[in-house]
Amino acid sequence: MKSEIHPDYRYVIFNDLASGEKILTRTTANSQKTAEWEDGNTYPVIDVEISAASHPFYTGKQRIMDTAGRVERFNARFKGFGGSK
């Protein structure tokens, strides 16, 4: 790789705001906010709204939508709409 044309690849803490879980990983993203990690070192922190730790698809807590009930309600609501005059 050519030197000085790529962004710095550094350790960063990703903080999941929904679950409170913190993950130390490497990225090119940076932040002014810092925190101390379990190893005693200080790293930049990037807050994320949702991650695999809190997303319903990954946690298995997803809601199953009642599509049949929604279709029936839609049809009942718009039963006479757009009919011929």
N, C-alpha and C. Protein backbone atom coordinates (compact mmCIF):
# COMPACT_ATOMS: atom_id res chain seq x y z
N MET A 1 0.84 -1.19 0.00
CA MET A 1 0.00 0.00 0.00
C MET A 1 0.87 1.24 0.00
N LYS A 2 0.36 2.26 -0.63
CA LYS A 2 1.07 3.53 -0.60
C LYS A 2 0.89 4.16 0.78
N SER A 3 1.93 4.78 1.27
CA SER A 3 1.84 5.41 2.58
C SER A 3 1.17 6.78 2.47
N GLU A 4 0.52 7.18 3.55
CA GLU A 4 -0.10 8.50 3.72
C GLU A 4 -1.28 8.79 2.80
N ILE A 5 -1.88 7.77 2.16
CA ILE A 5 -3.09 8.03 1.37
C ILE A 5 -4.32 7.33 1.97
N HIS A 6 -4.09 6.44 2.93
CA HIS A 6 -5.18 5.71 3.55
C HIS A 6 -5.47 6.26 4.94
N PRO A 7 -6.73 6.24 5.37
CA PRO A 7 -7.04 6.70 6.73
C PRO A 7 -6.45 5.74 7.77
N ASP A 8 -6.25 6.27 8.97
CA ASP A 8 -5.71 5.45 10.07
C ASP A 8 -6.72 4.37 10.44
N TYR A 9 -6.22 3.17 10.62
CA TYR A 9 -7.02 2.02 11.03
C TYR A 9 -6.71 1.80 12.50
N ARG A 10 -7.64 2.14 13.38
CA ARG A 10 -7.37 2.16 14.81
C ARG A 10 -8.44 1.41 15.60
N TYR A 11 -8.16 1.13 16.84
CA TYR A 11 -9.14 0.52 17.73
C TYR A 11 -10.14 1.57 18.19
N VAL A 12 -11.41 1.18 18.21
CA VAL A 12 -12.50 2.07 18.62
C VAL A 12 -13.51 1.23 19.39
N ILE A 13 -14.14 1.85 20.39
CA ILE A 13 -15.20 1.19 21.15
C ILE A 13 -16.54 1.61 20.53
N PHE A 14 -17.34 0.63 20.11
CA PHE A 14 -18.69 0.90 19.65
C PHE A 14 -19.63 0.66 20.82
N ASN A 15 -20.41 1.68 21.18
CA ASN A 15 -21.32 1.61 22.31
C ASN A 15 -22.76 1.52 21.79
N ASP A 16 -23.42 0.38 22.03
CA ASP A 16 -24.81 0.20 21.62
C ASP A 16 -25.70 0.89 22.64
N LEU A 17 -26.38 1.96 22.22
CA LEU A 17 -27.20 2.74 23.14
C LEU A 17 -28.44 1.98 23.60
N ALA A 18 -28.95 1.06 22.79
CA ALA A 18 -30.16 0.33 23.14
C ALA A 18 -29.91 -0.75 24.20
N SER A 19 -28.79 -1.46 24.10
CA SER A 19 -28.53 -2.55 25.05
C SER A 19 -27.45 -2.24 26.05
N GLY A 20 -26.63 -1.22 25.77
CA GLY A 20 -25.54 -0.88 26.67
C GLY A 20 -24.28 -1.70 26.44
N GLU A 21 -24.31 -2.61 25.49
CA GLU A 21 -23.13 -3.43 25.21
C GLU A 21 -22.07 -2.61 24.49
N LYS A 22 -20.82 -2.87 24.84
CA LYS A 22 -19.70 -2.20 24.22
C LYS A 22 -18.83 -3.22 23.51
N ILE A 23 -18.34 -2.85 22.32
CA ILE A 23 -17.53 -3.75 21.52
C ILE A 23 -16.26 -3.02 21.10
N LEU A 24 -15.12 -3.63 21.34
CA LEU A 24 -13.85 -3.06 20.90
C LEU A 24 -13.47 -3.71 19.58
N THR A 25 -13.31 -2.90 18.56
CA THR A 25 -12.95 -3.39 17.24
C THR A 25 -12.12 -2.34 16.53
N ARG A 26 -11.67 -2.66 15.34
CA ARG A 26 -10.85 -1.71 14.58
C ARG A 26 -11.67 -1.12 13.45
N THR A 27 -11.44 0.15 13.16
CA THR A 27 -12.16 0.85 12.11
C THR A 27 -11.37 2.09 11.70
N THR A 28 -11.80 2.70 10.62
CA THR A 28 -11.20 3.97 10.20
C THR A 28 -11.99 5.15 10.75
N ALA A 29 -13.16 4.89 11.33
CA ALA A 29 -13.97 5.96 11.92
C ALA A 29 -13.28 6.48 13.18
N ASN A 30 -13.56 7.74 13.51
CA ASN A 30 -12.94 8.34 14.69
C ASN A 30 -13.98 9.13 15.45
N SER A 31 -13.69 9.44 16.68
CA SER A 31 -14.60 10.20 17.53
C SER A 31 -13.78 11.01 18.53
N GLN A 32 -14.35 12.12 18.96
CA GLN A 32 -13.70 12.94 19.98
C GLN A 32 -13.97 12.38 21.38
N LYS A 33 -15.06 11.63 21.53
CA LYS A 33 -15.44 11.04 22.81
C LYS A 33 -14.54 9.84 23.08
N THR A 34 -14.04 9.70 24.31
CA THR A 34 -13.16 8.59 24.65
C THR A 34 -13.65 7.90 25.91
N ALA A 35 -13.20 6.67 26.10
CA ALA A 35 -13.52 5.90 27.31
C ALA A 35 -12.40 4.90 27.55
N GLU A 36 -12.31 4.46 28.79
CA GLU A 36 -11.30 3.48 29.15
C GLU A 36 -11.89 2.09 28.97
N TRP A 37 -11.14 1.21 28.33
CA TRP A 37 -11.57 -0.16 28.09
C TRP A 37 -11.06 -1.06 29.21
N GLU A 38 -11.47 -2.31 29.22
CA GLU A 38 -11.11 -3.27 30.26
C GLU A 38 -9.61 -3.50 30.39
N ASP A 39 -8.87 -3.27 29.31
CA ASP A 39 -7.42 -3.48 29.36
C ASP A 39 -6.65 -2.28 29.94
N GLY A 40 -7.39 -1.22 30.33
CA GLY A 40 -6.77 -0.05 30.92
C GLY A 40 -6.41 1.04 29.93
N ASN A 41 -6.50 0.77 28.64
CA ASN A 41 -6.21 1.76 27.61
C ASN A 41 -7.44 2.61 27.31
N THR A 42 -7.21 3.82 26.81
CA THR A 42 -8.28 4.72 26.44
C THR A 42 -8.44 4.71 24.92
N TYR A 43 -9.70 4.54 24.47
CA TYR A 43 -10.01 4.46 23.05
C TYR A 43 -11.13 5.43 22.70
N PRO A 44 -11.22 5.86 21.44
CA PRO A 44 -12.37 6.66 21.01
C PRO A 44 -13.65 5.82 21.09
N VAL A 45 -14.78 6.47 21.36
CA VAL A 45 -16.07 5.79 21.49
C VAL A 45 -17.01 6.31 20.42
N ILE A 46 -17.67 5.39 19.72
CA ILE A 46 -18.69 5.75 18.74
C ILE A 46 -20.00 5.13 19.21
N ASP A 47 -21.00 5.99 19.45
CA ASP A 47 -22.32 5.53 19.89
C ASP A 47 -23.14 5.12 18.68
N VAL A 48 -23.76 3.95 18.75
CA VAL A 48 -24.64 3.47 17.69
C VAL A 48 -26.02 3.22 18.29
N GLU A 49 -27.06 3.49 17.51
CA GLU A 49 -28.43 3.32 17.98
C GLU A 49 -28.78 1.85 18.21
N ILE A 50 -28.30 1.00 17.32
CA ILE A 50 -28.68 -0.41 17.37
C ILE A 50 -27.54 -1.25 16.80
N SER A 51 -27.36 -2.43 17.35
CA SER A 51 -26.33 -3.35 16.84
C SER A 51 -26.90 -4.77 16.91
N ALA A 52 -26.08 -5.75 16.63
CA ALA A 52 -26.54 -7.13 16.71
C ALA A 52 -26.95 -7.51 18.12
N ALA A 53 -26.46 -6.80 19.13
CA ALA A 53 -26.81 -7.10 20.51
C ALA A 53 -28.23 -6.66 20.86
N SER A 54 -28.79 -5.70 20.10
CA SER A 54 -30.13 -5.21 20.44
C SER A 54 -31.13 -5.30 19.30
N HIS A 55 -30.69 -5.67 18.10
CA HIS A 55 -31.61 -5.74 16.96
C HIS A 55 -32.52 -6.96 17.11
N PRO A 56 -33.83 -6.77 16.93
CA PRO A 56 -34.78 -7.89 17.13
C PRO A 56 -34.49 -9.11 16.26
N PHE A 57 -33.97 -8.93 15.07
CA PHE A 57 -33.68 -10.08 14.21
C PHE A 57 -32.62 -10.98 14.83
N TYR A 58 -31.60 -10.39 15.43
CA TYR A 58 -30.51 -11.16 16.00
C TYR A 58 -30.82 -11.67 17.41
N THR A 59 -31.65 -10.96 18.15
CA THR A 59 -31.97 -11.37 19.52
C THR A 59 -33.10 -12.38 19.57
N GLY A 60 -33.86 -12.52 18.48
CA GLY A 60 -34.99 -13.46 18.45
C GLY A 60 -36.24 -12.91 19.09
N LYS A 61 -36.29 -11.63 19.36
CA LYS A 61 -37.45 -11.01 20.00
C LYS A 61 -38.26 -10.20 19.00
N GLN A 62 -38.27 -10.63 17.75
CA GLN A 62 -39.00 -9.88 16.74
C GLN A 62 -40.49 -10.16 16.84
N ARG A 63 -41.28 -9.18 16.46
CA ARG A 63 -42.73 -9.31 16.47
C ARG A 63 -43.17 -9.94 15.16
N ILE A 64 -44.13 -10.82 15.25
CA ILE A 64 -44.70 -11.41 14.03
C ILE A 64 -45.94 -10.60 13.69
N MET A 65 -45.96 -10.06 12.49
CA MET A 65 -47.07 -9.20 12.08
C MET A 65 -48.25 -10.03 11.64
N ASP A 66 -49.42 -9.57 12.00
CA ASP A 66 -50.66 -10.22 11.61
C ASP A 66 -51.08 -9.67 10.25
N THR A 67 -50.52 -10.23 9.19
CA THR A 67 -50.81 -9.71 7.85
C THR A 67 -52.23 -10.01 7.42
N ALA A 68 -52.77 -11.15 7.81
CA ALA A 68 -54.15 -11.49 7.42
C ALA A 68 -55.13 -10.49 8.04
N GLY A 69 -54.95 -10.16 9.29
CA GLY A 69 -55.83 -9.20 9.95
C GLY A 69 -55.72 -7.82 9.34
N ARG A 70 -54.55 -7.43 8.94
CA ARG A 70 -54.35 -6.12 8.32
C ARG A 70 -55.03 -6.05 6.96
N VAL A 71 -54.94 -7.12 6.19
CA VAL A 71 -55.57 -7.14 4.87
C VAL A 71 -57.08 -7.07 5.02
N GLU A 72 -57.63 -7.81 5.97
CA GLU A 72 -59.08 -7.79 6.21
C GLU A 72 -59.54 -6.40 6.63
N ARG A 73 -58.79 -5.76 7.52
CA ARG A 73 -59.15 -4.40 7.95
C ARG A 73 -59.08 -3.42 6.79
N PHE A 74 -58.06 -3.56 5.94
CA PHE A 74 -57.93 -2.69 4.78
C PHE A 74 -59.12 -2.87 3.84
N ASN A 75 -59.47 -4.12 3.55
CA ASN A 75 -60.60 -4.39 2.66
C ASN A 75 -61.90 -3.88 3.24
N ALA A 76 -62.10 -4.02 4.53
CA ALA A 76 -63.33 -3.52 5.16
C ALA A 76 -63.38 -2.00 5.13
N ARG A 77 -62.27 -1.38 5.32
CA ARG A 77 -62.21 0.09 5.36
C ARG A 77 -62.48 0.71 4.00
N PHE A 78 -61.96 0.11 2.96
CA PHE A 78 -62.09 0.67 1.61
C PHE A 78 -63.01 -0.17 0.72
N LYS A 79 -64.01 -0.78 1.32
CA LYS A 79 -64.92 -1.68 0.60
C LYS A 79 -65.60 -1.00 -0.59
N GLY A 80 -66.18 0.17 -0.39
CA GLY A 80 -66.93 0.83 -1.45
C GLY A 80 -66.14 1.89 -2.18
N PHE A 81 -64.88 2.03 -1.87
CA PHE A 81 -64.07 3.10 -2.47
C PHE A 81 -63.73 2.76 -3.91
N GLY A 82 -63.93 3.73 -4.81
CA GLY A 82 -63.54 3.57 -6.21
C GLY A 82 -64.49 2.75 -7.04
N GLY A 83 -65.67 2.46 -6.51
CA GLY A 83 -66.65 1.68 -7.28
C GLY A 83 -67.27 2.51 -8.39
N SER A 84 -67.91 1.84 -9.32
CA SER A 84 -68.54 2.57 -10.43
C SER A 84 -69.77 3.31 -9.97
N LYS A 85 -70.07 4.45 -10.61
CA LYS A 85 -71.19 5.29 -10.21
C LYS A 85 -72.36 5.09 -11.10
